[in-house]
């Protein structure tokens, strides 16, 4: 596993975290969008965990 892939995964994970936080702060968050973002974040987290 090269470091650029690992960095890209971490960056995408942080980006999704920010998007989730922004959506949760809205007066009427889109629960469907939140579920989708959280699912994507979990997939990345699992991949990061598998890498080590």
Protein backbone atom coordinates (compact mmCIF):
# COMPACT_ATOMS: atom_id res chain seq x y z
CA UNK A 1 0.00 0.00 0.00
CA UNK A 2 1.54 3.28 -1.01
CA UNK A 3 1.43 6.39 1.15
CA UNK A 4 -0.45 8.50 -1.39
CA UNK A 5 -3.39 6.05 -1.29
CA UNK A 6 -3.37 6.14 2.50
CA UNK A 7 -3.24 9.95 2.48
CA UNK A 8 -6.09 10.08 -0.02
CA UNK A 9 -8.24 7.81 2.16
CA UNK A 10 -7.53 9.93 5.24
CA UNK A 11 -8.35 13.08 3.30
CA UNK A 12 -11.65 11.64 2.01
CA UNK A 13 -12.50 10.48 5.54
CA UNK A 14 -11.88 13.99 6.93
CA UNK A 15 -13.87 15.55 4.08
CA UNK A 16 -16.84 13.29 4.76
CA UNK A 17 -16.57 14.08 8.48
CA UNK A 18 -16.81 17.81 7.68
CA UNK A 19 -19.75 17.29 5.32
CA UNK A 20 -21.58 15.26 7.98
CA UNK A 21 -20.94 17.94 10.62
CA UNK A 22 -22.18 20.68 8.27
CA UNK A 23 -25.33 18.76 7.41
CA UNK A 24 -26.06 18.00 11.08
CA UNK A 25 -25.81 21.74 11.91
CA UNK A 26 -28.51 22.65 9.40
CA UNK A 27 -31.97 23.43 10.83
CA UNK A 28 -33.53 20.56 8.86
CA UNK A 29 -30.79 18.03 8.02
CA UNK A 30 -31.37 15.63 5.14
CA UNK A 31 -31.45 12.27 6.92
CA UNK A 32 -31.04 10.38 3.64
CA UNK A 33 -27.92 12.33 2.76
CA UNK A 34 -26.56 11.90 6.28
CA UNK A 35 -27.04 8.14 6.08
CA UNK A 36 -25.27 8.02 2.72
CA UNK A 37 -22.34 10.13 3.95
CA UNK A 38 -21.99 8.07 7.11
CA UNK A 39 -22.01 4.84 5.10
CA UNK A 40 -19.25 6.18 2.83
CA UNK A 41 -17.23 7.29 5.87
CA UNK A 42 -17.60 3.86 7.46
CA UNK A 43 -16.38 2.12 4.29
CA UNK A 44 -13.27 4.31 4.27
CA UNK A 45 -12.72 3.75 7.98
CA UNK A 46 -12.92 -0.02 7.47
CA UNK A 47 -10.44 0.19 4.60
CA UNK A 48 -8.05 2.26 6.72
CA UNK A 49 -8.38 -0.28 9.54
CA UNK A 50 -7.66 -3.15 7.15
CA UNK A 51 -4.51 -1.40 5.94
CA UNK A 52 -3.17 -1.17 9.45
